[in-house]
Amino acid sequence: MQLKSLKNLTRFDYGKTDFEGWRVCKAIKGTNFCKYVSDNRKHSKSKNPAAASLKVAKAELSKLVTMSKALNPSRLKNWAKRNGFAVRLAITS
């Protein structure tokens, strides 16, 4: 299956590493929020784990965008950390 590039989603598919999956990364109000979603078969009974993890990654991105509209920046950071996102200050030049 050919997986196309999607905004805020990056595919990691290296043969020599243990990780295969999707990286969800979104910059909101000067802060980067990143999370990795693995293709691990134990999380999905699907015959196509890459497509199943893409569905999860899209759901995580959607949830992040929804919460960014509902919460102020400090509460958003706390929510994101509790939900497995790495939170970092965006570097601008």
PDB file of N, CA and C in Angstrom:
ATOM      1  N   MET A   1       0.844  -1.188   0.000  1.00  0.00           N
ATOM      2  CA  MET A   1       0.000   0.000   0.000  1.00  0.00           C
ATOM      3  C   MET A   1       0.884   1.245   0.000  1.00  0.00           C
ATOM      4  N   GLN A   2       0.606   2.166  -0.894  1.00  0.00           N
ATOM      5  CA  GLN A   2       1.354   3.410  -0.977  1.00  0.00           C
ATOM      6  C   GLN A   2       0.731   4.412  -0.016  1.00  0.00           C
ATOM      7  N   LEU A   3       1.521   4.913   0.921  1.00  0.00           N
ATOM      8  CA  LEU A   3       1.025   5.888   1.885  1.00  0.00           C
ATOM      9  C   LEU A   3       1.529   7.265   1.485  1.00  0.00           C
ATOM     10  N   LYS A   4       0.632   8.201   1.268  1.00  0.00           N
ATOM     11  CA  LYS A   4       1.043   9.529   0.855  1.00  0.00           C
ATOM     12  C   LYS A   4       1.347  10.395   2.070  1.00  0.00           C
ATOM     13  N   SER A   5       2.068  11.472   1.810  1.00  0.00           N
ATOM     14  CA  SER A   5       2.433  12.404   2.870  1.00  0.00           C
ATOM     15  C   SER A   5       1.205  13.200   3.301  1.00  0.00           C
ATOM     16  N   LEU A   6       1.063  13.399   4.577  1.00  0.00           N
ATOM     17  CA  LEU A   6      -0.056  14.145   5.129  1.00  0.00           C
ATOM     18  C   LEU A   6       0.468  15.265   6.013  1.00  0.00           C
ATOM     19  N   LYS A   7      -0.230  16.376   6.028  1.00  0.00           N
ATOM     20  CA  LYS A   7       0.189  17.523   6.832  1.00  0.00           C
ATOM     21  C   LYS A   7       0.189  17.157   8.315  1.00  0.00           C
ATOM     22  N   ASN A   8       1.282  17.469   8.995  1.00  0.00           N
ATOM     23  CA  ASN A   8       1.486  17.232  10.430  1.00  0.00           C
ATOM     24  C   ASN A   8       1.681  15.759  10.781  1.00  0.00           C
ATOM     25  N   LEU A   9       1.759  14.881   9.787  1.00  0.00           N
ATOM     26  CA  LEU A   9       2.000  13.455  10.012  1.00  0.00           C
ATOM     27  C   LEU A   9       3.197  13.026   9.173  1.00  0.00           C
ATOM     28  N   THR A  10       4.139  12.328   9.793  1.00  0.00           N
ATOM     29  CA  THR A  10       5.321  11.848   9.094  1.00  0.00           C
ATOM     30  C   THR A  10       5.425  10.351   9.287  1.00  0.00           C
ATOM     31  N   ARG A  11       5.721   9.639   8.211  1.00  0.00           N
ATOM     32  CA  ARG A  11       5.860   8.185   8.268  1.00  0.00           C
ATOM     33  C   ARG A  11       7.305   7.819   8.544  1.00  0.00           C
ATOM     34  N   PHE A  12       7.534   6.958   9.550  1.00  0.00           N
ATOM     35  CA  PHE A  12       8.845   6.397   9.838  1.00  0.00           C
ATOM     36  C   PHE A  12       8.803   4.928   9.471  1.00  0.00           C
ATOM     37  N   ASP A  13       9.634   4.560   8.497  1.00  0.00           N
ATOM     38  CA  ASP A  13       9.577   3.214   7.936  1.00  0.00           C
ATOM     39  C   ASP A  13      10.981   2.723   7.604  1.00  0.00           C
ATOM     40  N   TYR A  14      11.860   2.740   8.580  1.00  0.00           N
ATOM     41  CA  TYR A  14      13.251   2.358   8.342  1.00  0.00           C
ATOM     42  C   TYR A  14      13.439   0.878   8.629  1.00  0.00           C
ATOM     43  N   GLY A  15      14.124   0.185   7.745  1.00  0.00           N
ATOM     44  CA  GLY A  15      14.327  -1.249   7.887  1.00  0.00           C
ATOM     45  C   GLY A  15      15.261  -1.644   9.015  1.00  0.00           C
ATOM     46  N   LYS A  16      16.196  -0.773   9.379  1.00  0.00           N
ATOM     47  CA  LYS A  16      17.216  -1.135  10.366  1.00  0.00           C
ATOM     48  C   LYS A  16      16.874  -0.699  11.788  1.00  0.00           C
ATOM     49  N   THR A  17      15.718  -0.120  11.992  1.00  0.00           N
ATOM     50  CA  THR A  17      15.347   0.317  13.340  1.00  0.00           C
ATOM     51  C   THR A  17      14.154  -0.486  13.841  1.00  0.00           C
ATOM     52  N   ASP A  18      13.948  -0.440  15.120  1.00  0.00           N
ATOM     53  CA  ASP A  18      12.834  -1.162  15.730  1.00  0.00           C
ATOM     54  C   ASP A  18      11.508  -0.426  15.564  1.00  0.00           C
ATOM     55  N   PHE A  19      11.571   0.886  15.328  1.00  0.00           N
ATOM     56  CA  PHE A  19      10.332   1.669  15.272  1.00  0.00           C
ATOM     57  C   PHE A  19       9.832   1.802  13.843  1.00  0.00           C
ATOM     58  N   GLU A  20       8.593   1.473  13.644  1.00  0.00           N
ATOM     59  CA  GLU A  20       7.880   1.754  12.401  1.00  0.00           C
ATOM     60  C   GLU A  20       6.533   2.317  12.804  1.00  0.00           C
ATOM     61  N   GLY A  21       6.198   3.460  12.256  1.00  0.00           N
ATOM     62  CA  GLY A  21       4.928   4.061  12.605  1.00  0.00           C
ATOM     63  C   GLY A  21       4.824   5.492  12.123  1.00  0.00           C
ATOM     64  N   TRP A  22       3.998   6.265  12.784  1.00  0.00           N
ATOM     65  CA  TRP A  22       3.709   7.640  12.420  1.00  0.00           C
ATOM     66  C   TRP A  22       4.122   8.595  13.524  1.00  0.00           C
ATOM     67  N   ARG A  23       4.568   9.781  13.123  1.00  0.00           N
ATOM     68  CA  ARG A  23       4.900  10.856  14.062  1.00  0.00           C
ATOM     69  C   ARG A  23       3.885  11.963  13.831  1.00  0.00           C
ATOM     70  N   VAL A  24       3.165  12.311  14.872  1.00  0.00           N
ATOM     71  CA  VAL A  24       2.202  13.412  14.833  1.00  0.00           C
ATOM     72  C   VAL A  24       2.917  14.620  15.424  1.00  0.00           C
ATOM     73  N   CYS A  25       3.022  15.702  14.676  1.00  0.00           N
ATOM     74  CA  CYS A  25       3.708  16.889  15.183  1.00  0.00           C
ATOM     75  C   CYS A  25       2.970  18.136  14.704  1.00  0.00           C
ATOM     76  N   LYS A  26       2.622  18.995  15.641  1.00  0.00           N
ATOM     77  CA  LYS A  26       1.855  20.203  15.325  1.00  0.00           C
ATOM     78  C   LYS A  26       2.372  21.345  16.184  1.00  0.00           C
ATOM     79  N   ALA A  27       2.616  22.489  15.557  1.00  0.00           N
ATOM     80  CA  ALA A  27       3.014  23.695  16.288  1.00  0.00           C
ATOM     81  C   ALA A  27       1.764  24.534  16.548  1.00  0.00           C
ATOM     82  N   ILE A  28       1.525  24.828  17.815  1.00  0.00           N
ATOM     83  CA  ILE A  28       0.366  25.632  18.208  1.00  0.00           C
ATOM     84  C   ILE A  28       0.837  26.738  19.137  1.00  0.00           C
ATOM     85  N   LYS A  29       0.630  27.969  18.717  1.00  0.00           N
ATOM     86  CA  LYS A  29       0.954  29.148  19.521  1.00  0.00           C
ATOM     87  C   LYS A  29       2.380  29.103  20.068  1.00  0.00           C
ATOM     88  N   GLY A  30       3.344  28.764  19.211  1.00  0.00           N
ATOM     89  CA  GLY A  30       4.751  28.793  19.596  1.00  0.00           C
ATOM     90  C   GLY A  30       5.241  27.570  20.346  1.00  0.00           C
ATOM     91  N   THR A  31       4.443  26.525  20.417  1.00  0.00           N
ATOM     92  CA  THR A  31       4.834  25.300  21.108  1.00  0.00           C
ATOM     93  C   THR A  31       4.632  24.109  20.182  1.00  0.00           C
ATOM     94  N   ASN A  32       5.641  23.222  20.123  1.00  0.00           N
ATOM     95  CA  ASN A  32       5.527  22.005  19.321  1.00  0.00           C
ATOM     96  C   ASN A  32       4.985  20.867  20.172  1.00  0.00           C
ATOM     97  N   PHE A  33       4.028  20.151  19.642  1.00  0.00           N
ATOM     98  CA  PHE A  33       3.454  18.972  20.285  1.00  0.00           C
ATOM     99  C   PHE A  33       3.736  17.782  19.374  1.00  0.00           C
ATOM    100  N   CYS A  34       4.442  16.769  19.878  1.00  0.00           N
ATOM    101  CA  CYS A  34       4.795  15.601  19.068  1.00  0.00           C
ATOM    102  C   CYS A  34       4.434  14.314  19.800  1.00  0.00           C
ATOM    103  N   LYS A  35       4.010  13.327  19.019  1.00  0.00           N
ATOM    104  CA  LYS A  35       3.683  12.021  19.569  1.00  0.00           C
ATOM    105  C   LYS A  35       3.965  10.969  18.502  1.00  0.00           C
ATOM    106  N   TYR A  36       4.465   9.824  18.928  1.00  0.00           N
ATOM    107  CA  TYR A  36       4.735   8.724  18.016  1.00  0.00           C
ATOM    108  C   TYR A  36       3.666   7.653  18.176  1.00  0.00           C
ATOM    109  N   VAL A  37       3.170   7.160  17.031  1.00  0.00           N
ATOM    110  CA  VAL A  37       2.166   6.099  17.020  1.00  0.00           C
ATOM    111  C   VAL A  37       2.777   4.913  16.283  1.00  0.00           C
ATOM    112  N   SER A  38       2.960   3.817  16.981  1.00  0.00           N
ATOM    113  CA  SER A  38       3.640   2.646  16.443  1.00  0.00           C
ATOM    114  C   SER A  38       2.708   1.764  15.624  1.00  0.00           C
ATOM    115  N   ASP A  39       3.309   1.010  14.683  1.00  0.00           N
ATOM    116  CA  ASP A  39       2.578   0.009  13.899  1.00  0.00           C
ATOM    117  C   ASP A  39       2.488  -1.321  14.631  1.00  0.00           C
ATOM    118  N   ASN A  40       2.851  -1.345  15.873  1.00  0.00           N
ATOM    119  CA  ASN A  40       2.927  -2.580  16.638  1.00  0.00           C
ATOM    120  C   ASN A  40       1.649  -3.408  16.479  1.00  0.00           C
ATOM    121  N   ARG A  41       1.812  -4.657  16.098  1.00  0.00           N
ATOM    122  CA  ARG A  41       0.658  -5.517  15.811  1.00  0.00           C
ATOM    123  C   ARG A  41      -0.176  -5.839  17.051  1.00  0.00           C
ATOM    124  N   LYS A  42       0.398  -5.755  18.232  1.00  0.00           N
ATOM    125  CA  LYS A  42      -0.390  -6.092  19.420  1.00  0.00           C
ATOM    126  C   LYS A  42      -1.489  -5.063  19.698  1.00  0.00           C
ATOM    127  N   HIS A  43      -1.348  -3.835  19.149  1.00  0.00           N
ATOM    128  CA  HIS A  43      -2.367  -2.812  19.330  1.00  0.00           C
ATOM    129  C   HIS A  43      -3.474  -2.897  18.295  1.00  0.00           C
ATOM    130  N   SER A  44      -3.254  -3.712  17.265  1.00  0.00           N
ATOM    131  CA  SER A  44      -4.234  -3.777  16.193  1.00  0.00           C
ATOM    132  C   SER A  44      -4.366  -5.198  15.687  1.00  0.00           C
ATOM    133  N   LYS A  45      -5.586  -5.612  15.476  1.00  0.00           N
ATOM    134  CA  LYS A  45      -5.817  -6.933  14.907  1.00  0.00           C
ATOM    135  C   LYS A  45      -5.954  -6.839  13.389  1.00  0.00           C
ATOM    136  N   SER A  46      -5.686  -5.661  12.847  1.00  0.00           N
ATOM    137  CA  SER A  46      -5.799  -5.424  11.415  1.00  0.00           C
ATOM    138  C   SER A  46      -4.697  -6.151  10.642  1.00  0.00           C
ATOM    139  N   LYS A  47      -5.008  -6.514   9.403  1.00  0.00           N
ATOM    140  CA  LYS A  47      -3.996  -7.125   8.545  1.00  0.00           C
ATOM    141  C   LYS A  47      -3.024  -6.086   8.018  1.00  0.00           C
ATOM    142  N   ASN A  48      -3.384  -4.808   8.104  1.00  0.00           N
ATOM    143  CA  ASN A  48      -2.521  -3.724   7.659  1.00  0.00           C
ATOM    144  C   ASN A  48      -2.246  -2.786   8.829  1.00  0.00           C
ATOM    145  N   PRO A  49      -1.195  -3.068   9.619  1.00  0.00           N
ATOM    146  CA  PRO A  49      -0.949  -2.254  10.812  1.00  0.00           C
ATOM    147  C   PRO A  49      -0.591  -0.799  10.492  1.00  0.00           C
ATOM    148  N   ALA A  50       0.004  -0.533   9.318  1.00  0.00           N
ATOM    149  CA  ALA A  50       0.348   0.850   8.964  1.00  0.00           C
ATOM    150  C   ALA A  50      -0.919   1.692   8.791  1.00  0.00           C
ATOM    151  N   ALA A  51      -1.918   1.135   8.152  1.00  0.00           N
ATOM    152  CA  ALA A  51      -3.181   1.863   7.973  1.00  0.00           C
ATOM    153  C   ALA A  51      -3.908   2.037   9.301  1.00  0.00           C
ATOM    154  N   ALA A  52      -3.843   1.023  10.151  1.00  0.00           N
ATOM    155  CA  ALA A  52      -4.491   1.106  11.468  1.00  0.00           C
ATOM    156  C   ALA A  52      -3.820   2.178  12.328  1.00  0.00           C
ATOM    157  N   SER A  53      -2.483   2.234  12.305  1.00  0.00           N
ATOM    158  CA  SER A  53      -1.793   3.244  13.109  1.00  0.00           C
ATOM    159  C   SER A  53      -1.995   4.635  12.525  1.00  0.00           C
ATOM    160  N   LEU A  54      -2.168   4.739  11.192  1.00  0.00           N
ATOM    161  CA  LEU A  54      -2.472   6.033  10.581  1.00  0.00           C
ATOM    162  C   LEU A  54      -3.816   6.546  11.091  1.00  0.00           C
ATOM    163  N   LYS A  55      -4.771   5.674  11.220  1.00  0.00           N
ATOM    164  CA  LYS A  55      -6.091   6.049  11.741  1.00  0.00           C
ATOM    165  C   LYS A  55      -5.963   6.580  13.171  1.00  0.00           C
ATOM    166  N   VAL A  56      -5.157   5.913  13.986  1.00  0.00           N
ATOM    167  CA  VAL A  56      -4.925   6.357  15.369  1.00  0.00           C
ATOM    168  C   VAL A  56      -4.209   7.702  15.372  1.00  0.00           C
ATOM    169  N   ALA A  57      -3.201   7.873  14.500  1.00  0.00           N
ATOM    170  CA  ALA A  57      -2.451   9.127  14.430  1.00  0.00           C
ATOM    171  C   ALA A  57      -3.357  10.286  14.030  1.00  0.00           C
ATOM    172  N   LYS A  58      -4.239  10.060  13.063  1.00  0.00           N
ATOM    173  CA  LYS A  58      -5.186  11.101  12.657  1.00  0.00           C
ATOM    174  C   LYS A  58      -6.128  11.466  13.799  1.00  0.00           C
ATOM    175  N   ALA A  59      -6.556  10.473  14.558  1.00  0.00           N
ATOM    176  CA  ALA A  59      -7.429  10.731  15.710  1.00  0.00           C
ATOM    177  C   ALA A  59      -6.701  11.550  16.768  1.00  0.00           C
ATOM    178  N   GLU A  60      -5.421  11.224  17.021  1.00  0.00           N
ATOM    179  CA  GLU A  60      -4.628  11.978  18.001  1.00  0.00           C
ATOM    180  C   GLU A  60      -4.455  13.430  17.561  1.00  0.00           C
ATOM    181  N   LEU A  61      -4.186  13.638  16.270  1.00  0.00           N
ATOM    182  CA  LEU A  61      -4.025  14.989  15.739  1.00  0.00           C
ATOM    183  C   LEU A  61      -5.332  15.771  15.860  1.00  0.00           C
ATOM    184  N   SER A  62      -6.429  15.140  15.527  1.00  0.00           N
ATOM    185  CA  SER A  62      -7.741  15.776  15.625  1.00  0.00           C
ATOM    186  C   SER A  62      -8.056  16.167  17.072  1.00  0.00           C
ATOM    187  N   LYS A  63      -7.746  15.260  17.997  1.00  0.00           N
ATOM    188  CA  LYS A  63      -7.986  15.526  19.421  1.00  0.00           C
ATOM    189  C   LYS A  63      -7.136  16.712  19.894  1.00  0.00           C
ATOM    190  N   LEU A  64      -5.875  16.776  19.439  1.00  0.00           N
ATOM    191  CA  LEU A  64      -4.981  17.871  19.823  1.00  0.00           C
ATOM    192  C   LEU A  64      -5.516  19.208  19.305  1.00  0.00           C
ATOM    193  N   VAL A  65      -5.947  19.247  18.056  1.00  0.00           N
ATOM    194  CA  VAL A  65      -6.465  20.485  17.479  1.00  0.00           C
ATOM    195  C   VAL A  65      -7.735  20.923  18.204  1.00  0.00           C
ATOM    196  N   THR A  66      -8.611  19.989  18.508  1.00  0.00           N
ATOM    197  CA  THR A  66      -9.847  20.306  19.226  1.00  0.00           C
ATOM    198  C   THR A  66      -9.544  20.874  20.613  1.00  0.00           C
ATOM    199  N   MET A  67      -8.622  20.231  21.327  1.00  0.00           N
ATOM    200  CA  MET A  67      -8.288  20.697  22.674  1.00  0.00           C
ATOM    201  C   MET A  67      -7.570  22.051  22.635  1.00  0.00           C
ATOM    202  N   SER A  68      -6.812  22.312  21.568  1.00  0.00           N
ATOM    203  CA  SER A  68      -6.101  23.596  21.470  1.00  0.00           C
ATOM    204  C   SER A  68      -7.088  24.762  21.357  1.00  0.00           C
ATOM    205  N   LYS A  69      -8.254  24.491  20.812  1.00  0.00           N
ATOM    206  CA  LYS A  69      -9.276  25.527  20.701  1.00  0.00           C
ATOM    207  C   LYS A  69     -10.053  25.702  21.999  1.00  0.00           C
ATOM    208  N   ALA A  70     -10.088  24.658  22.818  1.00  0.00           N
ATOM    209  CA  ALA A  70     -10.899  24.679  24.038  1.00  0.00           C
ATOM    210  C   ALA A  70     -10.130  25.139  25.283  1.00  0.00           C
ATOM    211  N   LEU A  71      -8.809  24.956  25.289  1.00  0.00           N
ATOM    212  CA  LEU A  71      -8.026  25.238  26.501  1.00  0.00           C
ATOM    213  C   LEU A  71      -7.068  26.398  26.293  1.00  0.00           C
ATOM    214  N   ASN A  72      -6.712  27.065  27.395  1.00  0.00           N
ATOM    215  CA  ASN A  72      -5.680  28.087  27.304  1.00  0.00           C
ATOM    216  C   ASN A  72      -4.314  27.386  27.176  1.00  0.00           C
ATOM    217  N   PRO A  73      -3.255  28.093  26.751  1.00  0.00           N
ATOM    218  CA  PRO A  73      -1.973  27.442  26.462  1.00  0.00           C
ATOM    219  C   PRO A  73      -1.370  26.613  27.598  1.00  0.00           C
ATOM    220  N   SER A  74      -1.436  27.091  28.827  1.00  0.00           N
ATOM    221  CA  SER A  74      -0.837  26.320  29.924  1.00  0.00           C
ATOM    222  C   SER A  74      -1.634  25.046  30.213  1.00  0.00           C
ATOM    223  N   ARG A  75      -2.948  25.124  30.151  1.00  0.00           N
ATOM    224  CA  ARG A  75      -3.768  23.914  30.361  1.00  0.00           C
ATOM    225  C   ARG A  75      -3.608  22.937  29.206  1.00  0.00           C
ATOM    226  N   LEU A  76      -3.417  23.464  27.980  1.00  0.00           N
ATOM    227  CA  LEU A  76      -3.190  22.609  26.815  1.00  0.00           C
ATOM    228  C   LEU A  76      -1.892  21.818  26.982  1.00  0.00           C
ATOM    229  N   LYS A  77      -0.841  22.479  27.468  1.00  0.00           N
ATOM    230  CA  LYS A  77       0.437  21.794  27.691  1.00  0.00           C
ATOM    231  C   LYS A  77       0.278  20.676  28.718  1.00  0.00           C
ATOM    232  N   ASN A  78      -0.426  20.945  29.795  1.00  0.00           N
ATOM    233  CA  ASN A  78      -0.650  19.913  30.815  1.00  0.00           C
ATOM    234  C   ASN A  78      -1.464  18.751  30.255  1.00  0.00           C
ATOM    235  N   TRP A  79      -2.516  19.059  29.485  1.00  0.00           N
ATOM    236  CA  TRP A  79      -3.332  18.010  28.870  1.00  0.00           C
ATOM    237  C   TRP A  79      -2.480  17.166  27.920  1.00  0.00           C
ATOM    238  N   ALA A  80      -1.655  17.826  27.104  1.00  0.00           N
ATOM    239  CA  ALA A  80      -0.836  17.119  26.114  1.00  0.00           C
ATOM    240  C   ALA A  80       0.168  16.184  26.796  1.00  0.00           C
ATOM    241  N   LYS A  81       0.792  16.641  27.871  1.00  0.00           N
ATOM    242  CA  LYS A  81       1.748  15.791  28.595  1.00  0.00           C
ATOM    243  C   LYS A  81       1.049  14.574  29.183  1.00  0.00           C
ATOM    244  N   ARG A  82      -0.135  14.757  29.734  1.00  0.00           N
ATOM    245  CA  ARG A  82      -0.889  13.635  30.298  1.00  0.00           C
ATOM    246  C   ARG A  82      -1.302  12.628  29.223  1.00  0.00           C
ATOM    247  N   ASN A  83      -1.425  13.085  27.977  1.00  0.00           N
ATOM    248  CA  ASN A  83      -1.857  12.221  26.879  1.00  0.00           C
ATOM    249  C   ASN A  83      -0.706  11.752  25.985  1.00  0.00           C
ATOM    250  N   GLY A  84       0.520  11.832  26.479  1.00  0.00           N
ATOM    251  CA  GLY A  84       1.652  11.229  25.795  1.00  0.00           C
ATOM    252  C   GLY A  84       2.341  12.076  24.748  1.00  0.00           C
ATOM    253  N   PHE A  85       2.034  13.354  24.675  1.00  0.00           N
ATOM    254  CA  PHE A  85       2.713  14.224  23.721  1.00  0.00           C
ATOM    255  C   PHE A  85       3.985  14.789  24.341  1.00  0.00           C
ATOM    256  N   ALA A  86       5.029  14.931  23.509  1.00  0.00           N
ATOM    257  CA  ALA A  86       6.217  15.657  23.930  1.00  0.00           C
ATOM    258  C   ALA A  86       5.937  17.137  23.667  1.00  0.00           C
ATOM    259  N   VAL A  87       6.194  17.987  24.639  1.00  0.00           N
ATOM    260  CA  VAL A  87       5.880  19.411  24.513  1.00  0.00           C
ATOM    261  C   VAL A  87       7.192  20.187  24.559  1.00  0.00           C
ATOM    262  N   ARG A  88       7.450  20.965  23.487  1.00  0.00           N
ATOM    263  CA  ARG A  88       8.682  21.727  23.401  1.00  0.00           C
ATOM    264  C   ARG A  88       8.385  23.116  22.840  1.00  0.00           C
ATOM    265  N   LEU A  89       9.152  24.084  23.288  1.00  0.00           N
ATOM    266  CA  LEU A  89       9.039  25.447  22.762  1.00  0.00           C
ATOM    267  C   LEU A  89       9.523  25.466  21.325  1.00  0.00           C
ATOM    268  N   ALA A  90       8.752  26.031  20.426  1.00  0.00           N
ATOM    269  CA  ALA A  90       9.131  26.096  19.014  1.00  0.00           C
ATOM    270  C   ALA A  90      10.263  27.099  18.855  1.00  0.00           C
ATOM    271  N   ILE A  91      11.257  26.749  18.068  1.00  0.00           N
ATOM    272  CA  ILE A  91      12.396  27.634  17.808  1.00  0.00           C
ATOM    273  C   ILE A  91      12.121  28.424  16.540  1.00  0.00           C
ATOM    274  N   THR A  92      12.155  29.719  16.673  1.00  0.00           N
ATOM    275  CA  THR A  92      11.941  30.577  15.508  1.00  0.00           C
ATOM    276  C   THR A  92      13.195  31.400  15.290  1.00  0.00           C
ATOM    277  N   SER A  93      13.483  31.662  14.040  1.00  0.00           N
ATOM    278  CA  SER A  93      14.695  32.449  13.754  1.00  0.00           C
ATOM    279  C   SER A  93      14.364  33.855  13.343  1.00  0.00           C
TER     280      SER A  93
END
